[in-house]
Amino acid sequence: MGGTVTFAQLLPAVRDLFSRRPEYGNHEPWELAHALFSLGYVKDLAGDSEIAAALEVARTDYRQWRPAA
């Protein structure tokens, strides 16, 4: 396929996904890996650790997706 997906590619993809489909805001990294691939945001499946890092940053952008304190 397209090669390794990097954090630099994932962060804008996750931000765009959250802005277009807010229902994905509370999904787990393994669920988002499939969603990002299936919806055409990335050309290869990303690893859970890369997606988890992108989620952590993207969720700080949107208060409603931040984990409960």
PDB file of N, CA and C in Angstrom:
ATOM      1  N   MET A   1       0.821  -1.190   0.000  1.00  0.00           N
ATOM      2  CA  MET A   1       0.000   0.000   0.000  1.00  0.00           C
ATOM      3  C   MET A   1       0.864   1.253   0.000  1.00  0.00           C
ATOM      4  N   GLY A   2       0.484   2.287   0.779  1.00  0.00           N
ATOM      5  CA  GLY A   2       1.138   3.565   0.698  1.00  0.00           C
ATOM      6  C   GLY A   2       2.323   3.766   1.612  1.00  0.00           C
ATOM      7  N   GLY A   3       2.659   2.830   2.464  1.00  0.00           N
ATOM      8  CA  GLY A   3       3.775   2.995   3.377  1.00  0.00           C
ATOM      9  C   GLY A   3       3.310   3.377   4.762  1.00  0.00           C
ATOM     10  N   THR A   4       4.268   3.738   5.588  1.00  0.00           N
ATOM     11  CA  THR A   4       3.988   4.057   6.980  1.00  0.00           C
ATOM     12  C   THR A   4       3.271   5.396   7.101  1.00  0.00           C
ATOM     13  N   VAL A   5       2.277   5.431   7.956  1.00  0.00           N
ATOM     14  CA  VAL A   5       1.541   6.666   8.230  1.00  0.00           C
ATOM     15  C   VAL A   5       2.215   7.349   9.407  1.00  0.00           C
ATOM     16  N   THR A   6       2.554   8.619   9.264  1.00  0.00           N
ATOM     17  CA  THR A   6       3.254   9.346  10.320  1.00  0.00           C
ATOM     18  C   THR A   6       2.290  10.194  11.144  1.00  0.00           C
ATOM     19  N   PHE A   7       2.787  10.626  12.305  1.00  0.00           N
ATOM     20  CA  PHE A   7       2.015  11.500  13.174  1.00  0.00           C
ATOM     21  C   PHE A   7       1.644  12.789  12.435  1.00  0.00           C
ATOM     22  N   ALA A   8       2.575  13.304  11.635  1.00  0.00           N
ATOM     23  CA  ALA A   8       2.325  14.538  10.880  1.00  0.00           C
ATOM     24  C   ALA A   8       1.172  14.381   9.895  1.00  0.00           C
ATOM     25  N   GLN A   9       0.939  13.176   9.402  1.00  0.00           N
ATOM     26  CA  GLN A   9      -0.189  12.914   8.508  1.00  0.00           C
ATOM     27  C   GLN A   9      -1.461  12.641   9.309  1.00  0.00           C
ATOM     28  N   LEU A  10      -1.309  12.011  10.459  1.00  0.00           N
ATOM     29  CA  LEU A  10      -2.481  11.624  11.251  1.00  0.00           C
ATOM     30  C   LEU A  10      -3.167  12.797  11.940  1.00  0.00           C
ATOM     31  N   LEU A  11      -2.395  13.711  12.487  1.00  0.00           N
ATOM     32  CA  LEU A  11      -3.001  14.804  13.251  1.00  0.00           C
ATOM     33  C   LEU A  11      -3.994  15.617  12.427  1.00  0.00           C
ATOM     34  N   PRO A  12      -3.642  16.079  11.227  1.00  0.00           N
ATOM     35  CA  PRO A  12      -4.649  16.802  10.438  1.00  0.00           C
ATOM     36  C   PRO A  12      -5.829  15.920  10.039  1.00  0.00           C
ATOM     37  N   ALA A  13      -5.558  14.642   9.799  1.00  0.00           N
ATOM     38  CA  ALA A  13      -6.645  13.729   9.431  1.00  0.00           C
ATOM     39  C   ALA A  13      -7.613  13.547  10.591  1.00  0.00           C
ATOM     40  N   VAL A  14      -7.081  13.369  11.797  1.00  0.00           N
ATOM     41  CA  VAL A  14      -7.942  13.194  12.977  1.00  0.00           C
ATOM     42  C   VAL A  14      -8.721  14.480  13.248  1.00  0.00           C
ATOM     43  N   ARG A  15      -8.064  15.620  13.143  1.00  0.00           N
ATOM     44  CA  ARG A  15      -8.759  16.905  13.357  1.00  0.00           C
ATOM     45  C   ARG A  15      -9.892  17.086  12.350  1.00  0.00           C
ATOM     46  N   ASP A  16      -9.625  16.757  11.100  1.00  0.00           N
ATOM     47  CA  ASP A  16     -10.659  16.892  10.076  1.00  0.00           C
ATOM     48  C   ASP A  16     -11.802  15.908  10.320  1.00  0.00           C
ATOM     49  N   LEU A  17     -11.459  14.682  10.676  1.00  0.00           N
ATOM     50  CA  LEU A  17     -12.489  13.684  10.975  1.00  0.00           C
ATOM     51  C   LEU A  17     -13.373  14.161  12.123  1.00  0.00           C
ATOM     52  N   PHE A  18     -12.764  14.675  13.186  1.00  0.00           N
ATOM     53  CA  PHE A  18     -13.532  15.161  14.335  1.00  0.00           C
ATOM     54  C   PHE A  18     -14.428  16.332  13.950  1.00  0.00           C
ATOM     55  N   SER A  19     -13.939  17.219  13.088  1.00  0.00           N
ATOM     56  CA  SER A  19     -14.752  18.376  12.719  1.00  0.00           C
ATOM     57  C   SER A  19     -15.916  17.981  11.814  1.00  0.00           C
ATOM     58  N   ARG A  20     -15.711  16.991  10.962  1.00  0.00           N
ATOM     59  CA  ARG A  20     -16.775  16.559  10.048  1.00  0.00           C
ATOM     60  C   ARG A  20     -17.715  15.527  10.669  1.00  0.00           C
ATOM     61  N   ARG A  21     -17.167  14.683  11.532  1.00  0.00           N
ATOM     62  CA  ARG A  21     -17.940  13.608  12.146  1.00  0.00           C
ATOM     63  C   ARG A  21     -17.652  13.562  13.642  1.00  0.00           C
ATOM     64  N   PRO A  22     -18.263  14.450  14.416  1.00  0.00           N
ATOM     65  CA  PRO A  22     -17.956  14.532  15.845  1.00  0.00           C
ATOM     66  C   PRO A  22     -18.254  13.242  16.615  1.00  0.00           C
ATOM     67  N   GLU A  23     -19.076  12.373  16.062  1.00  0.00           N
ATOM     68  CA  GLU A  23     -19.373  11.116  16.750  1.00  0.00           C
ATOM     69  C   GLU A  23     -18.145  10.226  16.907  1.00  0.00           C
ATOM     70  N   TYR A  24     -17.094  10.489  16.133  1.00  0.00           N
ATOM     71  CA  TYR A  24     -15.860   9.709  16.254  1.00  0.00           C
ATOM     72  C   TYR A  24     -14.963  10.217  17.386  1.00  0.00           C
ATOM     73  N   GLY A  25     -15.327  11.288  18.041  1.00  0.00           N
ATOM     74  CA  GLY A  25     -14.497  11.886  19.079  1.00  0.00           C
ATOM     75  C   GLY A  25     -14.200  11.009  20.267  1.00  0.00           C
ATOM     76  N   ASN A  26     -15.049  10.065  20.559  1.00  0.00           N
ATOM     77  CA  ASN A  26     -14.850   9.210  21.722  1.00  0.00           C
ATOM     78  C   ASN A  26     -14.448   7.788  21.363  1.00  0.00           C
ATOM     79  N   HIS A  27     -14.071   7.560  20.127  1.00  0.00           N
ATOM     80  CA  HIS A  27     -13.652   6.225  19.709  1.00  0.00           C
ATOM     81  C   HIS A  27     -12.234   5.919  20.186  1.00  0.00           C
ATOM     82  N   GLU A  28     -11.957   4.662  20.326  1.00  0.00           N
ATOM     83  CA  GLU A  28     -10.634   4.188  20.712  1.00  0.00           C
ATOM     84  C   GLU A  28      -9.699   4.227  19.507  1.00  0.00           C
ATOM     85  N   PRO A  29      -8.373   4.257  19.742  1.00  0.00           N
ATOM     86  CA  PRO A  29      -7.421   4.297  18.619  1.00  0.00           C
ATOM     87  C   PRO A  29      -7.609   3.174  17.609  1.00  0.00           C
ATOM     88  N   TRP A  30      -7.869   1.954  18.077  1.00  0.00           N
ATOM     89  CA  TRP A  30      -8.021   0.840  17.138  1.00  0.00           C
ATOM     90  C   TRP A  30      -9.268   1.013  16.275  1.00  0.00           C
ATOM     91  N   GLU A  31     -10.292   1.667  16.808  1.00  0.00           N
ATOM     92  CA  GLU A  31     -11.489   1.927  16.014  1.00  0.00           C
ATOM     93  C   GLU A  31     -11.232   3.023  14.978  1.00  0.00           C
ATOM     94  N   LEU A  32     -10.470   4.039  15.364  1.00  0.00           N
ATOM     95  CA  LEU A  32     -10.173   5.127  14.446  1.00  0.00           C
ATOM     96  C   LEU A  32      -9.227   4.700  13.334  1.00  0.00           C
ATOM     97  N   ALA A  33      -8.360   3.733  13.598  1.00  0.00           N
ATOM     98  CA  ALA A  33      -7.457   3.251  12.549  1.00  0.00           C
ATOM     99  C   ALA A  33      -8.267   2.777  11.352  1.00  0.00           C
ATOM    100  N   HIS A  34      -9.286   1.994  11.618  1.00  0.00           N
ATOM    101  CA  HIS A  34     -10.139   1.488  10.542  1.00  0.00           C
ATOM    102  C   HIS A  34     -10.947   2.619   9.899  1.00  0.00           C
ATOM    103  N   ALA A  35     -11.493   3.520  10.720  1.00  0.00           N
ATOM    104  CA  ALA A  35     -12.305   4.618  10.187  1.00  0.00           C
ATOM    105  C   ALA A  35     -11.472   5.528   9.287  1.00  0.00           C
ATOM    106  N   LEU A  36     -10.273   5.894   9.727  1.00  0.00           N
ATOM    107  CA  LEU A  36      -9.421   6.771   8.922  1.00  0.00           C
ATOM    108  C   LEU A  36      -9.059   6.124   7.590  1.00  0.00           C
ATOM    109  N   PHE A  37      -8.787   4.839   7.614  1.00  0.00           N
ATOM    110  CA  PHE A  37      -8.459   4.115   6.386  1.00  0.00           C
ATOM    111  C   PHE A  37      -9.686   3.989   5.490  1.00  0.00           C
ATOM    112  N   SER A  38     -10.800   3.574   6.057  1.00  0.00           N
ATOM    113  CA  SER A  38     -12.019   3.344   5.268  1.00  0.00           C
ATOM    114  C   SER A  38     -12.577   4.622   4.659  1.00  0.00           C
ATOM    115  N   LEU A  39     -12.437   5.730   5.360  1.00  0.00           N
ATOM    116  CA  LEU A  39     -12.962   7.002   4.864  1.00  0.00           C
ATOM    117  C   LEU A  39     -11.972   7.724   3.947  1.00  0.00           C
ATOM    118  N   GLY A  40     -10.814   7.114   3.707  1.00  0.00           N
ATOM    119  CA  GLY A  40      -9.857   7.666   2.756  1.00  0.00           C
ATOM    120  C   GLY A  40      -8.929   8.733   3.306  1.00  0.00           C
ATOM    121  N   TYR A  41      -8.861   8.894   4.613  1.00  0.00           N
ATOM    122  CA  TYR A  41      -7.964   9.886   5.190  1.00  0.00           C
ATOM    123  C   TYR A  41      -6.502   9.454   5.081  1.00  0.00           C
ATOM    124  N   VAL A  42      -6.245   8.162   5.154  1.00  0.00           N
ATOM    125  CA  VAL A  42      -4.886   7.624   5.039  1.00  0.00           C
ATOM    126  C   VAL A  42      -4.902   6.468   4.050  1.00  0.00           C
ATOM    127  N   LYS A  43      -3.741   6.195   3.444  1.00  0.00           N
ATOM    128  CA  LYS A  43      -3.649   5.131   2.444  1.00  0.00           C
ATOM    129  C   LYS A  43      -3.186   3.811   3.030  1.00  0.00           C
ATOM    130  N   ASP A  44      -2.827   3.800   4.305  1.00  0.00           N
ATOM    131  CA  ASP A  44      -2.382   2.587   4.970  1.00  0.00           C
ATOM    132  C   ASP A  44      -2.882   2.633   6.408  1.00  0.00           C
ATOM    133  N   LEU A  45      -3.109   1.481   6.995  1.00  0.00           N
ATOM    134  CA  LEU A  45      -3.559   1.448   8.379  1.00  0.00           C
ATOM    135  C   LEU A  45      -2.454   1.954   9.290  1.00  0.00           C
ATOM    136  N   ALA A  46      -2.820   2.784  10.243  1.00  0.00           N
ATOM    137  CA  ALA A  46      -1.861   3.349  11.189  1.00  0.00           C
ATOM    138  C   ALA A  46      -1.858   2.516  12.460  1.00  0.00           C
ATOM    139  N   GLY A  47      -0.750   2.562  13.163  1.00  0.00           N
ATOM    140  CA  GLY A  47      -0.632   1.849  14.429  1.00  0.00           C
ATOM    141  C   GLY A  47      -1.380   2.551  15.545  1.00  0.00           C
ATOM    142  N   ASP A  48      -1.757   1.780  16.549  1.00  0.00           N
ATOM    143  CA  ASP A  48      -2.506   2.332  17.678  1.00  0.00           C
ATOM    144  C   ASP A  48      -1.730   3.427  18.406  1.00  0.00           C
ATOM    145  N   SER A  49      -0.423   3.263  18.548  1.00  0.00           N
ATOM    146  CA  SER A  49       0.350   4.264  19.296  1.00  0.00           C
ATOM    147  C   SER A  49       0.388   5.601  18.556  1.00  0.00           C
ATOM    148  N   GLU A  50       0.505   5.568  17.223  1.00  0.00           N
ATOM    149  CA  GLU A  50       0.498   6.810  16.454  1.00  0.00           C
ATOM    150  C   GLU A  50      -0.859   7.486  16.525  1.00  0.00           C
ATOM    151  N   ILE A  51      -1.913   6.694  16.434  1.00  0.00           N
ATOM    152  CA  ILE A  51      -3.262   7.260  16.507  1.00  0.00           C
ATOM    153  C   ILE A  51      -3.540   7.791  17.908  1.00  0.00           C
ATOM    154  N   ALA A  52      -3.105   7.076  18.929  1.00  0.00           N
ATOM    155  CA  ALA A  52      -3.303   7.533  20.306  1.00  0.00           C
ATOM    156  C   ALA A  52      -2.625   8.886  20.527  1.00  0.00           C
ATOM    157  N   ALA A  53      -1.429   9.068  19.983  1.00  0.00           N
ATOM    158  CA  ALA A  53      -0.726  10.349  20.120  1.00  0.00           C
ATOM    159  C   ALA A  53      -1.484  11.458  19.393  1.00  0.00           C
ATOM    160  N   ALA A  54      -1.963  11.186  18.193  1.00  0.00           N
ATOM    161  CA  ALA A  54      -2.735  12.179  17.440  1.00  0.00           C
ATOM    162  C   ALA A  54      -4.044  12.497  18.160  1.00  0.00           C
ATOM    163  N   LEU A  55      -4.685  11.488  18.732  1.00  0.00           N
ATOM    164  CA  LEU A  55      -5.925  11.713  19.481  1.00  0.00           C
ATOM    165  C   LEU A  55      -5.693  12.608  20.679  1.00  0.00           C
ATOM    166  N   GLU A  56      -4.613  12.372  21.397  1.00  0.00           N
ATOM    167  CA  GLU A  56      -4.319  13.165  22.577  1.00  0.00           C
ATOM    168  C   GLU A  56      -4.177  14.640  22.224  1.00  0.00           C
ATOM    169  N   VAL A  57      -3.493  14.922  21.138  1.00  0.00           N
ATOM    170  CA  VAL A  57      -3.322  16.315  20.706  1.00  0.00           C
ATOM    171  C   VAL A  57      -4.633  16.875  20.171  1.00  0.00           C
ATOM    172  N   ALA A  58      -5.323  16.119  19.322  1.00  0.00           N
ATOM    173  CA  ALA A  58      -6.569  16.607  18.714  1.00  0.00           C
ATOM    174  C   ALA A  58      -7.652  16.848  19.761  1.00  0.00           C
ATOM    175  N   ARG A  59      -7.695  16.016  20.779  1.00  0.00           N
ATOM    176  CA  ARG A  59      -8.722  16.196  21.809  1.00  0.00           C
ATOM    177  C   ARG A  59      -8.487  17.445  22.637  1.00  0.00           C
ATOM    178  N   THR A  60      -7.269  17.964  22.683  1.00  0.00           N
ATOM    179  CA  THR A  60      -7.036  19.219  23.394  1.00  0.00           C
ATOM    180  C   THR A  60      -7.613  20.399  22.625  1.00  0.00           C
ATOM    181  N   ASP A  61      -7.817  20.206  21.313  1.00  0.00           N
ATOM    182  CA  ASP A  61      -8.418  21.253  20.485  1.00  0.00           C
ATOM    183  C   ASP A  61      -9.912  21.403  20.737  1.00  0.00           C
ATOM    184  N   TYR A  62     -10.549  20.333  21.131  1.00  0.00           N
ATOM    185  CA  TYR A  62     -12.000  20.301  21.286  1.00  0.00           C
ATOM    186  C   TYR A  62     -12.345  19.873  22.707  1.00  0.00           C
ATOM    187  N   ARG A  63     -12.825  20.798  23.492  1.00  0.00           N
ATOM    188  CA  ARG A  63     -13.065  20.542  24.898  1.00  0.00           C
ATOM    189  C   ARG A  63     -14.015  19.387  25.154  1.00  0.00           C
ATOM    190  N   GLN A  64     -15.012  19.216  24.309  1.00  0.00           N
ATOM    191  CA  GLN A  64     -16.000  18.161  24.551  1.00  0.00           C
ATOM    192  C   GLN A  64     -15.395  16.756  24.407  1.00  0.00           C
ATOM    193  N   TRP A  65     -14.204  16.632  23.796  1.00  0.00           N
ATOM    194  CA  TRP A  65     -13.578  15.315  23.631  1.00  0.00           C
ATOM    195  C   TRP A  65     -12.482  15.060  24.630  1.00  0.00           C
ATOM    196  N   ARG A  66     -12.223  16.012  25.509  1.00  0.00           N
ATOM    197  CA  ARG A  66     -11.187  15.796  26.515  1.00  0.00           C
ATOM    198  C   ARG A  66     -11.658  14.748  27.521  1.00  0.00           C
ATOM    199  N   PRO A  67     -10.749  13.911  27.989  1.00  0.00           N
ATOM    200  CA  PRO A  67     -11.146  12.925  29.001  1.00  0.00           C
ATOM    201  C   PRO A  67     -11.589  13.632  30.277  1.00  0.00           C
ATOM    202  N   ALA A  68     -12.496  13.007  30.988  1.00  0.00           N
ATOM    203  CA  ALA A  68     -12.998  13.588  32.231  1.00  0.00           C
ATOM    204  C   ALA A  68     -11.862  13.644  33.248  1.00  0.00           C
ATOM    205  N   ALA A  69     -11.808  14.735  33.998  1.00  0.00           N
ATOM    206  CA  ALA A  69     -10.727  14.922  34.969  1.00  0.00           C
ATOM    207  C   ALA A  69     -10.976  14.155  36.238  1.00  0.00           C
TER     208      ALA A  69
END
